Structures are given as C-alpha cells and as structure tokens.
Amino acid sequence: MSILTTGAFLALAAQCAPNVHPDTSLDVVRVESGLHQYAIAEIIPKNERVAEGKSFISHYPESKDEAVKIIRRIEERKRNYSVGLMQINSSNFKKLRVTATELLEPCSNLKAYQYIITDCYLRGGSLTNALSCYYSGDFITGHKVESELNNTSYIRRIGLLDNNYVVPGTREKINDIKDKTHDDIIFESWDILREYPKQLNRYESKKEVLINERNNEKDDRTV
C-alpha cells in the first residue's frame, strides 16, 4: 500500500528515526505527505508561477515505478522537489548521499528526516525553530502565514501554537504535566505499609533524600 497506517508508521519511526519523539514525527508526516510513501511535491519556479497561483504541484503515485517516472520528468524540467513520507527536499540529496529512488523507501526517508530535523533542532534551540528549519531551511519561514495554504503557518499546520506571548498559556504545555504517581512518593523506611508519605523539604530532591538514606544505612551497619 502507498499510504501507511498510523501503527505501521510509528513502528517504522521507532526503528528508523529513534532520536525524534514519535509524536513529532507523526505530526510532521501528516502535514508533509499524509502518510503517503510515494508523495512528491514539485516546486514551481517563481518566474513560471501564475498570479495568485500555487507554488507547488502535489503528486500521489500509487506505485514506486510511477513515482520514479514522475521524478524523472521533474528532473528533466530542472525543478526542485521533495519526495517520500517526510518530503525530503532534493537540495539535501547530495549532502545526505541519497537518491530520490532510495528515499521512496520509508526507512531511508525517515533516516534522512531524523538527520535534518535533529541538525535543525540543535542549531535552532527550540521545536518551533526546528520545524521551521525542516520545512524551509531557515528559522523564520515556518512561522509565516501562507495565503495559498489557508492562511496558516507551517508551525500552525503541524499543530503547535505560534504566538508572540511573552508568558505562554497554561494549556500549551498541558501534555507535559504528569500526575504524581506512587513511585514519585518517598516513604519512611519503617513504613512498610506505605501509609505515611514523607514530606520533602522544599530544597530537597527525591534523589538527595534517597542518597542520604543509603548513607545512613551504611553508617548503621558500621556501628
């Protein structure tokens, strides 16, 4: 099948792009190709675009052979293009030492994606900058609204809030907040039934408390 299921994609992402959080990879692939492994975006040169026209042509071939034929036609026209699941741009082929045909294979495509977005993240210092860089090669374009894409920015299409607030909204990081679990609670050593949680000093961390308890146990054994 040319379109992967979400489960199949996540399994591939875990194997071929393990350094990128699967949520990020899934959001990116949904925007870039709709999980279509043979998707191709042909970039129309600026001097060939009609007024108010699109800057790209989307191709969704049903087979690898059909995809290769489309790629050859695009290359004959000497146009820029992006290919595969994560839409790797042809400007990256030489640096990554890959061909368009190789990038029609999902795992090869994901490996290239991991390389590019990791580099973008390390240089950009934030996820939004990394996504902008992955999309356009710079840290600015992905934040800009694009009229031909329903007046949305790439960051917005991915699903992230892109705003100018100095203090972020309470719901922007809601998924980062985890409920306190039983494992996060420390109990006194004598509390074998774990009924009386120990109250930590505001300057203490769980790690510090555990280290101190181990040291005390060692002292008791040496007495």
Protein backbone atom coordinates (compact mmCIF):
# COMPACT_ATOMS: atom_id res chain seq x y z
CA MET A 1 0.00 0.00 0.00
CA SER A 2 1.21 3.52 -0.81
CA ILE A 3 -0.44 5.00 2.30
CA LEU A 4 0.80 3.70 5.64
CA THR A 5 -1.39 3.17 8.67
CA THR A 6 -0.57 5.17 11.79
CA GLY A 7 0.56 2.00 13.54
CA ALA A 8 2.85 0.98 10.69
CA PHE A 9 4.36 4.45 10.55
CA LEU A 10 5.04 4.60 14.30
CA ALA A 11 6.72 1.20 14.16
CA LEU A 12 8.96 2.41 11.34
CA ALA A 13 9.68 5.69 13.12
CA ALA A 14 10.78 3.83 16.25
CA GLN A 15 13.18 1.79 14.15
CA CYS A 16 14.41 4.35 11.62
CA ALA A 17 14.15 7.71 13.46
CA PRO A 18 14.51 6.72 17.13
CA ASN A 19 16.04 10.03 18.21
CA VAL A 20 12.91 12.02 17.35
CA HIS A 21 9.83 11.85 19.57
CA PRO A 22 7.16 9.78 17.76
CA ASP A 23 4.51 12.47 18.34
CA THR A 24 6.64 14.97 16.43
CA SER A 25 7.32 12.52 13.61
CA LEU A 26 3.63 11.67 13.30
CA ASP A 27 2.57 15.33 13.20
CA VAL A 28 5.20 16.09 10.56
CA VAL A 29 4.31 13.16 8.30
CA ARG A 30 0.60 14.01 8.42
CA VAL A 31 1.32 17.51 7.16
CA GLU A 32 4.09 16.60 4.74
CA SER A 33 2.65 13.59 2.92
CA GLY A 34 -0.47 12.36 4.66
CA LEU A 35 1.49 9.13 5.32
CA HIS A 36 1.83 8.56 1.55
CA GLN A 37 5.22 6.95 0.99
CA TYR A 38 5.42 7.93 -2.70
CA ALA A 39 4.21 11.54 -2.33
CA ILE A 40 6.10 14.09 -4.42
CA ALA A 41 5.89 17.87 -4.23
CA GLU A 42 7.10 19.61 -7.38
CA ILE A 43 8.20 23.20 -6.75
CA ILE A 44 7.19 25.65 -9.48
CA PRO A 45 9.92 28.25 -10.19
CA LYS A 46 8.87 31.79 -9.30
CA ASN A 47 9.18 33.02 -12.87
CA GLU A 48 6.74 30.32 -14.01
CA ARG A 49 4.01 30.88 -11.44
CA VAL A 50 0.75 32.50 -12.42
CA ALA A 51 -0.72 35.33 -10.38
CA GLU A 52 -2.27 34.03 -7.16
CA GLY A 53 -1.29 30.54 -8.26
CA LYS A 54 0.24 27.79 -6.14
CA SER A 55 3.97 27.44 -5.75
CA PHE A 56 3.92 23.65 -5.94
CA ILE A 57 2.23 20.66 -7.55
CA SER A 58 1.37 17.61 -5.44
CA HIS A 59 1.77 14.15 -6.97
CA TYR A 60 0.46 10.98 -5.31
CA PRO A 61 1.57 8.00 -7.42
CA GLU A 62 0.26 4.58 -6.48
CA SER A 63 3.49 2.67 -7.10
CA LYS A 64 7.23 3.10 -6.87
CA ASP A 65 7.61 2.76 -10.65
CA GLU A 66 5.10 5.53 -11.24
CA ALA A 67 6.87 7.71 -8.68
CA VAL A 68 10.23 7.21 -10.40
CA LYS A 69 8.73 8.28 -13.75
CA ILE A 70 7.33 11.48 -12.21
CA ILE A 71 10.68 12.25 -10.58
CA ARG A 72 12.47 11.85 -13.92
CA ARG A 73 10.07 14.26 -15.60
CA ILE A 74 10.58 16.82 -12.81
CA GLU A 75 14.36 16.49 -13.07
CA GLU A 76 14.18 16.95 -16.83
CA ARG A 77 12.42 20.24 -16.14
CA LYS A 78 15.24 21.05 -13.71
CA ARG A 79 12.80 21.79 -10.91
CA ASN A 80 13.27 21.47 -7.19
CA TYR A 81 11.12 18.82 -5.48
CA SER A 82 10.51 16.93 -2.24
CA VAL A 83 9.91 13.21 -2.03
CA GLY A 84 8.54 10.46 0.17
CA LEU A 85 6.95 10.16 3.59
CA MET A 86 8.74 13.07 5.20
CA GLN A 87 9.16 15.04 1.95
CA ILE A 88 12.95 15.22 1.80
CA ASN A 89 13.92 18.09 -0.50
CA SER A 90 16.18 17.47 -3.47
CA SER A 91 18.57 20.17 -2.24
CA ASN A 92 19.57 17.74 0.54
CA PHE A 93 20.29 14.69 -1.62
CA LYS A 94 23.98 15.39 -2.17
CA LYS A 95 24.67 16.20 1.48
CA LEU A 96 22.83 13.09 2.65
CA ARG A 97 24.34 10.95 -0.12
CA VAL A 98 20.98 9.55 -1.14
CA THR A 99 18.94 9.40 -4.32
CA ALA A 100 15.27 10.15 -4.85
CA THR A 101 14.63 6.48 -5.61
CA GLU A 102 16.21 5.43 -2.31
CA LEU A 103 14.03 7.95 -0.46
CA LEU A 104 10.90 6.25 -1.76
CA GLU A 105 11.71 3.56 0.80
CA PRO A 106 10.10 4.59 4.12
CA CYS A 107 13.03 3.74 6.38
CA SER A 108 15.58 5.58 4.23
CA ASN A 109 13.24 8.57 4.16
CA LEU A 110 12.84 8.55 7.94
CA LYS A 111 16.60 8.32 8.47
CA ALA A 112 17.09 11.39 6.29
CA TYR A 113 14.32 13.18 8.17
CA GLN A 114 15.95 12.39 11.51
CA TYR A 115 19.29 13.76 10.33
CA ILE A 116 17.78 17.02 9.07
CA ILE A 117 15.41 17.79 11.93
CA THR A 118 18.00 16.86 14.58
CA ASP A 119 20.50 19.23 13.00
CA CYS A 120 17.80 21.93 12.84
CA TYR A 121 16.88 21.39 16.48
CA LEU A 122 20.47 21.54 17.73
CA ARG A 123 21.08 24.77 15.83
CA GLY A 124 17.69 26.36 16.44
CA GLY A 125 17.32 25.54 20.11
CA SER A 126 13.55 25.01 20.07
CA LEU A 127 10.99 22.71 18.47
CA THR A 128 9.27 25.52 16.56
CA ASN A 129 12.59 26.70 15.12
CA ALA A 130 13.50 23.12 14.25
CA LEU A 131 10.21 22.63 12.40
CA SER A 132 10.61 25.90 10.50
CA CYS A 133 14.14 24.90 9.54
CA TYR A 134 12.99 21.45 8.45
CA TYR A 135 10.27 22.98 6.31
CA SER A 136 12.23 25.79 4.69
CA GLY A 137 15.88 25.64 5.67
CA ASP A 138 15.65 28.67 7.95
CA PHE A 139 14.17 29.58 11.33
CA ILE A 140 11.74 32.22 10.04
CA THR A 141 9.69 30.98 7.08
CA GLY A 142 7.88 28.24 9.01
CA HIS A 143 6.37 30.88 11.30
CA LYS A 144 4.92 32.93 8.43
CA VAL A 145 1.30 32.70 7.31
CA GLU A 146 0.91 31.37 3.76
CA SER A 147 -2.14 32.52 1.82
CA GLU A 148 -2.13 29.53 -0.54
CA LEU A 149 -2.38 27.20 2.45
CA ASN A 150 -5.50 28.63 4.10
CA ASN A 151 -3.60 31.49 5.72
CA THR A 152 -1.77 29.19 8.11
CA SER A 153 1.88 28.89 9.02
CA TYR A 154 3.74 25.59 8.88
CA ILE A 155 4.01 25.64 12.66
CA ARG A 156 0.24 26.04 12.93
CA ARG A 157 -0.39 23.23 10.44
CA ILE A 158 1.81 20.94 12.50
CA GLY A 159 -0.43 21.71 15.46
CA LEU A 160 1.75 23.95 17.60
CA LEU A 161 0.69 27.35 18.83
CA ASP A 162 2.83 30.02 17.23
CA ASN A 163 2.30 33.30 19.05
CA ASN A 164 4.19 36.28 20.41
CA TYR A 165 3.15 35.98 24.04
CA VAL A 166 5.99 36.52 26.50
CA VAL A 167 4.19 34.38 29.08
CA PRO A 168 2.74 31.22 27.46
CA GLY A 169 -0.79 29.97 28.02
CA THR A 170 -1.44 27.35 30.69
CA ARG A 171 -2.78 24.87 28.14
CA GLU A 172 0.15 24.99 25.72
CA LYS A 173 2.20 22.58 27.82
CA ILE A 174 -0.68 20.65 29.30
CA ASN A 175 0.58 17.36 27.91
CA ASP A 176 3.92 17.90 29.62
CA ILE A 177 2.30 17.88 33.06
CA LYS A 178 2.24 14.44 34.64
CA ASP A 179 0.19 13.38 37.62
CA LYS A 180 2.21 12.45 40.63
CA THR A 181 2.41 8.65 40.82
CA HIS A 182 3.04 6.28 43.68
CA ASP A 183 6.64 5.85 42.50
CA ASP A 184 7.27 9.57 42.89
CA ILE A 185 6.42 9.47 46.61
CA ILE A 186 9.02 8.72 49.27
CA PHE A 187 8.10 6.85 52.45
CA GLU A 188 9.94 6.44 55.73
CA SER A 189 12.00 3.22 55.89
CA TRP A 190 9.86 1.89 58.78
CA ASP A 191 6.61 2.48 56.86
CA ILE A 192 6.35 -0.97 55.29
CA LEU A 193 2.64 -0.47 54.51
CA ARG A 194 3.44 2.85 52.77
CA GLU A 195 0.71 4.75 54.55
CA TYR A 196 2.63 7.85 55.59
CA PRO A 197 4.28 9.76 52.71
CA LYS A 198 7.37 11.69 53.70
CA GLN A 199 7.18 15.46 53.29
CA LEU A 200 10.24 16.76 51.47
CA ASN A 201 11.95 19.98 52.38
CA ARG A 202 11.29 22.45 49.55
CA TYR A 203 15.01 22.43 48.74
CA GLU A 204 15.34 18.65 48.74
CA SER A 205 15.01 16.44 45.70
CA LYS A 206 13.94 12.82 45.70
CA LYS A 207 17.45 11.84 44.59
CA GLU A 208 19.08 13.67 47.51
CA VAL A 209 16.76 12.03 50.02
CA LEU A 210 17.47 8.54 48.70
CA ILE A 211 21.22 9.16 48.76
CA ASN A 212 21.06 10.37 52.36
CA GLU A 213 19.01 7.34 53.40
CA ARG A 214 21.54 4.97 51.83
CA ASN A 215 24.39 6.75 53.61
CA ASN A 216 22.55 6.45 56.93
CA GLU A 217 22.03 2.74 56.37
CA LYS A 218 25.77 2.32 55.76
CA ASP A 219 26.58 4.21 58.97
CA ASP A 220 24.20 1.97 60.94
CA ARG A 221 25.90 -1.16 59.63
CA THR A 222 29.35 0.07 60.67
CA VAL A 223 28.31 0.77 64.25
